[in-house]
Amino acid sequence: AYSPGDDVRRIDWNVTARMQDPYIRETIADRELEAWLVVDRSARLDFGTATCEKR
């Protein structure tokens, strides 16, 4: 629910229209999210001939 002093840019206007009460979006800061990058560099991904090799 909206409280005086809340940032009006965070108001979810679609929910507000349905509920007839100002509703604030709850967001998670990007710095709290966790991301993983996995790279498979094993030999089984190498294929082709010496003259025409795809990597």
N, C-alpha and C. Protein backbone atom coordinates (compact mmCIF):
# COMPACT_ATOMS: atom_id res chain seq x y z
N ALA A 1 0.84 -1.18 0.00
CA ALA A 1 0.00 0.00 0.00
C ALA A 1 0.88 1.24 0.00
N TYR A 2 0.37 2.28 -0.56
CA TYR A 2 1.11 3.55 -0.67
C TYR A 2 1.07 4.29 0.65
N SER A 3 2.20 4.86 1.01
CA SER A 3 2.28 5.73 2.19
C SER A 3 2.84 7.07 1.73
N PRO A 4 2.39 8.16 2.33
CA PRO A 4 2.95 9.46 1.95
C PRO A 4 4.48 9.44 2.09
N GLY A 5 5.14 9.95 1.07
CA GLY A 5 6.60 9.94 1.05
C GLY A 5 7.18 8.86 0.17
N ASP A 6 6.36 7.85 -0.20
CA ASP A 6 6.82 6.81 -1.13
C ASP A 6 7.05 7.42 -2.50
N ASP A 7 7.99 6.88 -3.24
CA ASP A 7 8.29 7.36 -4.59
C ASP A 7 7.11 7.02 -5.51
N VAL A 8 6.51 8.04 -6.11
CA VAL A 8 5.34 7.82 -6.96
C VAL A 8 5.69 7.05 -8.22
N ARG A 9 6.98 7.00 -8.60
CA ARG A 9 7.39 6.22 -9.77
C ARG A 9 7.26 4.72 -9.53
N ARG A 10 7.15 4.30 -8.28
CA ARG A 10 7.02 2.87 -7.96
C ARG A 10 5.56 2.43 -7.88
N ILE A 11 4.62 3.32 -8.13
CA ILE A 11 3.20 2.95 -8.09
C ILE A 11 2.90 2.04 -9.28
N ASP A 12 2.28 0.90 -9.00
CA ASP A 12 1.84 -0.03 -10.05
C ASP A 12 0.43 0.40 -10.44
N TRP A 13 0.33 1.08 -11.57
CA TRP A 13 -0.95 1.68 -11.95
C TRP A 13 -1.99 0.64 -12.33
N ASN A 14 -1.59 -0.50 -12.87
CA ASN A 14 -2.57 -1.55 -13.22
C ASN A 14 -3.22 -2.12 -11.96
N VAL A 15 -2.42 -2.42 -10.96
CA VAL A 15 -2.97 -2.96 -9.70
C VAL A 15 -3.78 -1.88 -9.00
N THR A 16 -3.31 -0.66 -9.02
CA THR A 16 -4.03 0.45 -8.39
C THR A 16 -5.42 0.60 -9.01
N ALA A 17 -5.53 0.46 -10.32
CA ALA A 17 -6.83 0.58 -10.99
C ALA A 17 -7.78 -0.53 -10.56
N ARG A 18 -7.25 -1.74 -10.36
CA ARG A 18 -8.11 -2.86 -9.94
C ARG A 18 -8.52 -2.76 -8.48
N MET A 19 -7.60 -2.33 -7.61
CA MET A 19 -7.86 -2.34 -6.17
C MET A 19 -8.47 -1.04 -5.66
N GLN A 20 -8.46 0.01 -6.49
CA GLN A 20 -8.97 1.32 -6.08
C GLN A 20 -8.19 1.91 -4.91
N ASP A 21 -6.95 1.44 -4.71
CA ASP A 21 -6.06 1.95 -3.67
C ASP A 21 -4.66 1.99 -4.25
N PRO A 22 -3.91 3.05 -4.05
CA PRO A 22 -2.55 3.09 -4.61
C PRO A 22 -1.70 1.92 -4.11
N TYR A 23 -1.04 1.24 -5.03
CA TYR A 23 -0.23 0.06 -4.72
C TYR A 23 1.20 0.30 -5.19
N ILE A 24 2.17 0.00 -4.33
CA ILE A 24 3.59 0.20 -4.62
C ILE A 24 4.21 -1.13 -5.03
N ARG A 25 4.98 -1.13 -6.15
CA ARG A 25 5.72 -2.32 -6.58
C ARG A 25 6.86 -2.60 -5.61
N GLU A 26 6.98 -3.84 -5.23
CA GLU A 26 8.12 -4.27 -4.41
C GLU A 26 9.17 -4.83 -5.35
N THR A 27 10.37 -4.31 -5.31
CA THR A 27 11.42 -4.76 -6.21
C THR A 27 12.62 -5.26 -5.41
N ILE A 28 13.41 -6.11 -6.05
CA ILE A 28 14.65 -6.61 -5.47
C ILE A 28 15.80 -5.88 -6.15
N ALA A 29 16.67 -5.31 -5.36
CA ALA A 29 17.81 -4.60 -5.94
C ALA A 29 18.68 -5.58 -6.72
N ASP A 30 19.23 -5.13 -7.85
CA ASP A 30 20.06 -5.98 -8.70
C ASP A 30 21.26 -6.54 -7.95
N ARG A 31 21.79 -5.81 -7.02
CA ARG A 31 22.98 -6.27 -6.32
C ARG A 31 22.70 -7.48 -5.42
N GLU A 32 21.42 -7.76 -5.16
CA GLU A 32 21.06 -8.91 -4.33
C GLU A 32 20.84 -10.17 -5.17
N LEU A 33 20.79 -10.03 -6.49
CA LEU A 33 20.57 -11.18 -7.35
C LEU A 33 21.89 -11.91 -7.59
N GLU A 34 21.80 -13.19 -7.82
CA GLU A 34 22.98 -14.00 -8.05
C GLU A 34 22.96 -14.54 -9.47
N ALA A 35 24.08 -14.42 -10.16
CA ALA A 35 24.16 -14.90 -11.54
C ALA A 35 25.32 -15.89 -11.66
N TRP A 36 25.12 -16.92 -12.46
CA TRP A 36 26.14 -17.94 -12.70
C TRP A 36 26.45 -17.99 -14.18
N LEU A 37 27.71 -18.14 -14.51
CA LEU A 37 28.14 -18.33 -15.88
C LEU A 37 28.96 -19.60 -15.92
N VAL A 38 28.50 -20.57 -16.70
CA VAL A 38 29.18 -21.86 -16.79
C VAL A 38 29.69 -22.02 -18.21
N VAL A 39 30.99 -22.32 -18.33
CA VAL A 39 31.62 -22.49 -19.64
C VAL A 39 32.20 -23.89 -19.71
N ASP A 40 31.82 -24.64 -20.73
CA ASP A 40 32.33 -25.99 -20.94
C ASP A 40 33.42 -25.91 -22.00
N ARG A 41 34.67 -26.10 -21.58
CA ARG A 41 35.79 -26.02 -22.51
C ARG A 41 36.40 -27.40 -22.74
N SER A 42 35.64 -28.43 -22.57
CA SER A 42 36.16 -29.79 -22.75
C SER A 42 36.42 -30.08 -24.22
N ALA A 43 37.24 -31.09 -24.49
CA ALA A 43 37.64 -31.43 -25.86
C ALA A 43 36.48 -31.96 -26.69
N ARG A 44 35.44 -32.47 -26.09
CA ARG A 44 34.34 -33.05 -26.86
C ARG A 44 33.59 -31.99 -27.66
N LEU A 45 33.80 -30.71 -27.38
CA LEU A 45 33.16 -29.66 -28.16
C LEU A 45 33.96 -29.29 -29.40
N ASP A 46 35.21 -29.78 -29.51
CA ASP A 46 36.03 -29.53 -30.69
C ASP A 46 35.69 -30.56 -31.75
N PHE A 47 35.38 -30.13 -32.96
CA PHE A 47 35.11 -31.07 -34.04
C PHE A 47 35.53 -30.45 -35.36
N GLY A 48 35.72 -31.29 -36.35
CA GLY A 48 36.14 -30.82 -37.67
C GLY A 48 37.53 -31.35 -38.01
N THR A 49 38.01 -30.99 -39.18
CA THR A 49 39.35 -31.42 -39.60
C THR A 49 40.34 -30.31 -39.27
N ALA A 50 41.62 -30.59 -39.50
CA ALA A 50 42.65 -29.61 -39.19
C ALA A 50 42.50 -28.36 -40.07
N THR A 51 42.02 -28.53 -41.30
CA THR A 51 41.86 -27.38 -42.20
C THR A 51 40.53 -26.66 -41.99
N CYS A 52 39.56 -27.37 -41.52
CA CYS A 52 38.24 -26.77 -41.32
C CYS A 52 37.74 -27.16 -39.93
N GLU A 53 38.15 -26.41 -38.95
CA GLU A 53 37.80 -26.75 -37.58
C GLU A 53 36.83 -25.70 -37.04
N LYS A 54 35.80 -26.17 -36.38
CA LYS A 54 34.82 -25.25 -35.80
C LYS A 54 34.99 -25.25 -34.29
N ARG A 55 34.98 -24.08 -33.75
CA ARG A 55 35.03 -23.93 -32.29
C ARG A 55 33.96 -22.97 -31.87
